[in-house]
Amino acid sequence: MLWAIQEVHNQSEQVATAIDSMRSAATDMETIMEDIARITDENTAGTDEANGSVKLVVKSVSAIAATSQESAASAEQVSASAAEQTDSIQEIAASAQELSAMSAELEAIMRKIKL
C-alpha cells in the first residue's frame, strides 16, 4: 500500500511539473504573441509611411508631368509665334526688295529727266 501511495505521489509531482511546463509554455506563447503584435504594428506603421511616401512621389511626378505638358504647350506657342514672325520678316524683306526695285526705277527716271 505504501508503494501505491508513493506511486500516486510521484504521478502527482509529474502532473504538477507538466502543469508548470504548460504554464511556462503559455507565458512564452503570450510573449511571442505580444512580439508578433508589436512587429505587426511597426510594420503597419512602416507600410503607412511608405504608402505616404509613394503617394507623395506620385503627386510630384503628376505635377512634373503637368508642368511638362504646360511647357510643351508653351513651346508650341513659341514655335507658332516664331513661324508667324518668320512670315512677317519674309514679307518685310519682299517689300524691301520691291522698294529697292522702285527706287532703282525712280533713279533711272530721274536720270532721264536730267538728260
C-alpha atoms as a PDB file:
ATOM      1  CA  MET A   1       0.000   0.000   0.000  1.00  0.00           C
ATOM      2  CA  LEU A   2       2.847   2.347   0.743  1.00  0.00           C
ATOM      3  CA  TRP A   3       4.153   1.675  -2.738  1.00  0.00           C
ATOM      4  CA  ALA A   4       0.797   2.752  -4.258  1.00  0.00           C
ATOM      5  CA  ILE A   5       0.812   5.972  -2.216  1.00  0.00           C
ATOM      6  CA  GLN A   6       4.369   6.641  -3.342  1.00  0.00           C
ATOM      7  CA  GLU A   7       3.335   5.989  -6.972  1.00  0.00           C
ATOM      8  CA  VAL A   8       0.365   8.398  -6.700  1.00  0.00           C
ATOM      9  CA  HIS A   9       2.686  10.998  -5.139  1.00  0.00           C
ATOM     10  CA  ASN A  10       5.206  10.568  -7.994  1.00  0.00           C
ATOM     11  CA  GLN A  11       2.455  10.891 -10.590  1.00  0.00           C
ATOM     12  CA  SER A  12       1.119  13.986  -8.797  1.00  0.00           C
ATOM     13  CA  GLU A  13       4.597  15.519  -8.974  1.00  0.00           C
ATOM     14  CA  GLN A  14       4.797  14.648 -12.669  1.00  0.00           C
ATOM     15  CA  VAL A  15       1.390  16.220 -13.255  1.00  0.00           C
ATOM     16  CA  ALA A  16       2.470  19.333 -11.292  1.00  0.00           C
ATOM     17  CA  THR A  17       5.671  19.504 -13.376  1.00  0.00           C
ATOM     18  CA  ALA A  18       3.645  19.106 -16.573  1.00  0.00           C
ATOM     19  CA  ILE A  19       1.264  21.849 -15.416  1.00  0.00           C
ATOM     20  CA  ASP A  20       4.241  24.148 -14.663  1.00  0.00           C
ATOM     21  CA  SER A  21       5.674  23.391 -18.113  1.00  0.00           C
ATOM     22  CA  MET A  22       2.300  24.170 -19.687  1.00  0.00           C
ATOM     23  CA  ARG A  23       2.101  27.447 -17.734  1.00  0.00           C
ATOM     24  CA  SER A  24       5.630  28.349 -18.839  1.00  0.00           C
ATOM     25  CA  ALA A  25       4.759  27.481 -22.430  1.00  0.00           C
ATOM     26  CA  ALA A  26       1.584  29.585 -22.184  1.00  0.00           C
ATOM     27  CA  THR A  27       3.636  32.517 -20.862  1.00  0.00           C
ATOM     28  CA  ASP A  28       6.134  32.058 -23.689  1.00  0.00           C
ATOM     29  CA  MET A  29       3.288  31.925 -26.204  1.00  0.00           C
ATOM     30  CA  GLU A  30       1.813  35.108 -24.732  1.00  0.00           C
ATOM     31  CA  THR A  31       5.196  36.840 -25.046  1.00  0.00           C
ATOM     32  CA  ILE A  32       5.525  35.622 -28.641  1.00  0.00           C
ATOM     33  CA  MET A  33       2.022  36.861 -29.477  1.00  0.00           C
ATOM     34  CA  GLU A  34       2.828  40.269 -27.954  1.00  0.00           C
ATOM     35  CA  ASP A  35       6.036  40.404 -30.016  1.00  0.00           C
ATOM     36  CA  ILE A  36       4.092  39.485 -33.155  1.00  0.00           C
ATOM     37  CA  ALA A  37       1.518  42.191 -32.405  1.00  0.00           C
ATOM     38  CA  ARG A  38       4.296  44.750 -31.807  1.00  0.00           C
ATOM     39  CA  ILE A  39       6.124  43.787 -35.008  1.00  0.00           C
ATOM     40  CA  THR A  40       2.854  43.876 -36.941  1.00  0.00           C
ATOM     41  CA  ASP A  41       2.136  47.372 -35.603  1.00  0.00           C
ATOM     42  CA  GLU A  42       5.661  48.505 -36.524  1.00  0.00           C
ATOM     43  CA  ASN A  43       5.330  47.001 -40.000  1.00  0.00           C
ATOM     44  CA  THR A  44       1.933  48.629 -40.439  1.00  0.00           C
ATOM     45  CA  ALA A  45       3.380  51.987 -39.399  1.00  0.00           C
ATOM     46  CA  GLY A  46       6.281  51.457 -41.797  1.00  0.00           C
ATOM     47  CA  THR A  47       3.871  50.489 -44.559  1.00  0.00           C
ATOM     48  CA  ASP A  48       1.768  53.569 -43.865  1.00  0.00           C
ATOM     49  CA  GLU A  49       4.905  55.727 -44.073  1.00  0.00           C
ATOM     50  CA  ALA A  50       5.939  54.016 -47.292  1.00  0.00           C
ATOM     51  CA  ASN A  51       2.452  54.464 -48.723  1.00  0.00           C
ATOM     52  CA  GLY A  52       2.590  58.147 -47.769  1.00  0.00           C
ATOM     53  CA  SER A  53       5.961  58.469 -49.477  1.00  0.00           C
ATOM     54  CA  VAL A  54       4.692  56.698 -52.569  1.00  0.00           C
ATOM     55  CA  LYS A  55       1.655  58.985 -52.666  1.00  0.00           C
ATOM     56  CA  LEU A  56       3.954  61.999 -52.372  1.00  0.00           C
ATOM     57  CA  VAL A  57       6.145  60.702 -55.195  1.00  0.00           C
ATOM     58  CA  VAL A  58       3.068  60.072 -57.358  1.00  0.00           C
ATOM     59  CA  LYS A  59       1.839  63.623 -56.695  1.00  0.00           C
ATOM     60  CA  SER A  60       5.289  65.005 -57.522  1.00  0.00           C
ATOM     61  CA  VAL A  61       5.501  63.004 -60.734  1.00  0.00           C
ATOM     62  CA  SER A  62       1.987  64.118 -61.659  1.00  0.00           C
ATOM     63  CA  ALA A  63       2.953  67.739 -61.019  1.00  0.00           C
ATOM     64  CA  ILE A  64       6.097  67.306 -63.120  1.00  0.00           C
ATOM     65  CA  ALA A  65       4.053  65.726 -65.903  1.00  0.00           C
ATOM     66  CA  ALA A  66       1.556  68.597 -65.791  1.00  0.00           C
ATOM     67  CA  THR A  67       4.409  71.120 -65.879  1.00  0.00           C
ATOM     68  CA  SER A  68       5.974  69.247 -68.794  1.00  0.00           C
ATOM     69  CA  GLN A  69       2.673  69.358 -70.672  1.00  0.00           C
ATOM     70  CA  GLU A  70       2.375  73.078 -69.974  1.00  0.00           C
ATOM     71  CA  SER A  71       5.965  73.576 -71.150  1.00  0.00           C
ATOM     72  CA  ALA A  72       5.249  71.614 -74.310  1.00  0.00           C
ATOM     73  CA  ALA A  73       2.166  73.751 -74.954  1.00  0.00           C
ATOM     74  CA  SER A  74       4.221  76.916 -74.376  1.00  0.00           C
ATOM     75  CA  ALA A  75       6.933  75.627 -76.700  1.00  0.00           C
ATOM     76  CA  GLU A  76       4.295  75.011 -79.377  1.00  0.00           C
ATOM     77  CA  GLN A  77       3.019  78.569 -78.921  1.00  0.00           C
ATOM     78  CA  VAL A  78       6.555  79.953 -79.152  1.00  0.00           C
ATOM     79  CA  SER A  79       7.149  77.867 -82.261  1.00  0.00           C
ATOM     80  CA  ALA A  80       3.919  79.139 -83.844  1.00  0.00           C
ATOM     81  CA  SER A  81       4.832  82.698 -82.923  1.00  0.00           C
ATOM     82  CA  ALA A  82       8.301  82.250 -84.396  1.00  0.00           C
ATOM     83  CA  ALA A  83       6.750  80.901 -87.589  1.00  0.00           C
ATOM     84  CA  GLU A  84       4.463  83.959 -87.749  1.00  0.00           C
ATOM     85  CA  GLN A  85       7.422  86.272 -87.169  1.00  0.00           C
ATOM     86  CA  THR A  86       9.391  84.472 -89.874  1.00  0.00           C
ATOM     87  CA  ASP A  87       6.478  85.009 -92.262  1.00  0.00           C
ATOM     88  CA  SER A  88       6.365  88.703 -91.286  1.00  0.00           C
ATOM     89  CA  ILE A  89      10.114  89.065 -91.777  1.00  0.00           C
ATOM     90  CA  GLN A  90       9.843  87.444 -95.202  1.00  0.00           C
ATOM     91  CA  GLU A  91       7.021  89.853 -96.108  1.00  0.00           C
ATOM     92  CA  ILE A  92       9.134  92.804 -94.921  1.00  0.00           C
ATOM     93  CA  ALA A  93      12.108  91.521 -96.937  1.00  0.00           C
ATOM     94  CA  ALA A  94       9.908  91.183-100.047  1.00  0.00           C
ATOM     95  CA  SER A  95       8.587  94.711 -99.505  1.00  0.00           C
ATOM     96  CA  ALA A  96      12.139  95.997 -99.096  1.00  0.00           C
ATOM     97  CA  GLN A  97      13.133  94.348-102.361  1.00  0.00           C
ATOM     98  CA  GLU A  98      10.121  95.913-104.057  1.00  0.00           C
ATOM     99  CA  LEU A  99      11.070  99.325-102.617  1.00  0.00           C
ATOM    100  CA  SER A 100      14.643  98.848-103.758  1.00  0.00           C
ATOM    101  CA  ALA A 101      13.427  97.995-107.269  1.00  0.00           C
ATOM    102  CA  MET A 102      11.113 101.037-107.250  1.00  0.00           C
ATOM    103  CA  SER A 103      13.978 103.194-106.037  1.00  0.00           C
ATOM    104  CA  ALA A 104      16.154 101.954-108.870  1.00  0.00           C
ATOM    105  CA  GLU A 105      13.362 102.711-111.367  1.00  0.00           C
ATOM    106  CA  LEU A 106      12.907 106.152-109.849  1.00  0.00           C
ATOM    107  CA  GLU A 107      16.621 106.852-110.142  1.00  0.00           C
ATOM    108  CA  ALA A 108      16.524 105.760-113.785  1.00  0.00           C
ATOM    109  CA  ILE A 109      13.585 108.061-114.427  1.00  0.00           C
ATOM    110  CA  MET A 110      15.368 110.929-112.654  1.00  0.00           C
ATOM    111  CA  ARG A 111      18.457 110.410-114.833  1.00  0.00           C
ATOM    112  CA  LYS A 112      16.343 110.511-117.953  1.00  0.00           C
ATOM    113  CA  ILE A 113      14.720 113.718-116.797  1.00  0.00           C
ATOM    114  CA  LYS A 114      18.113 115.331-116.180  1.00  0.00           C
ATOM    115  CA  LEU A 115      19.340 114.389-119.588  1.00  0.00           C
END
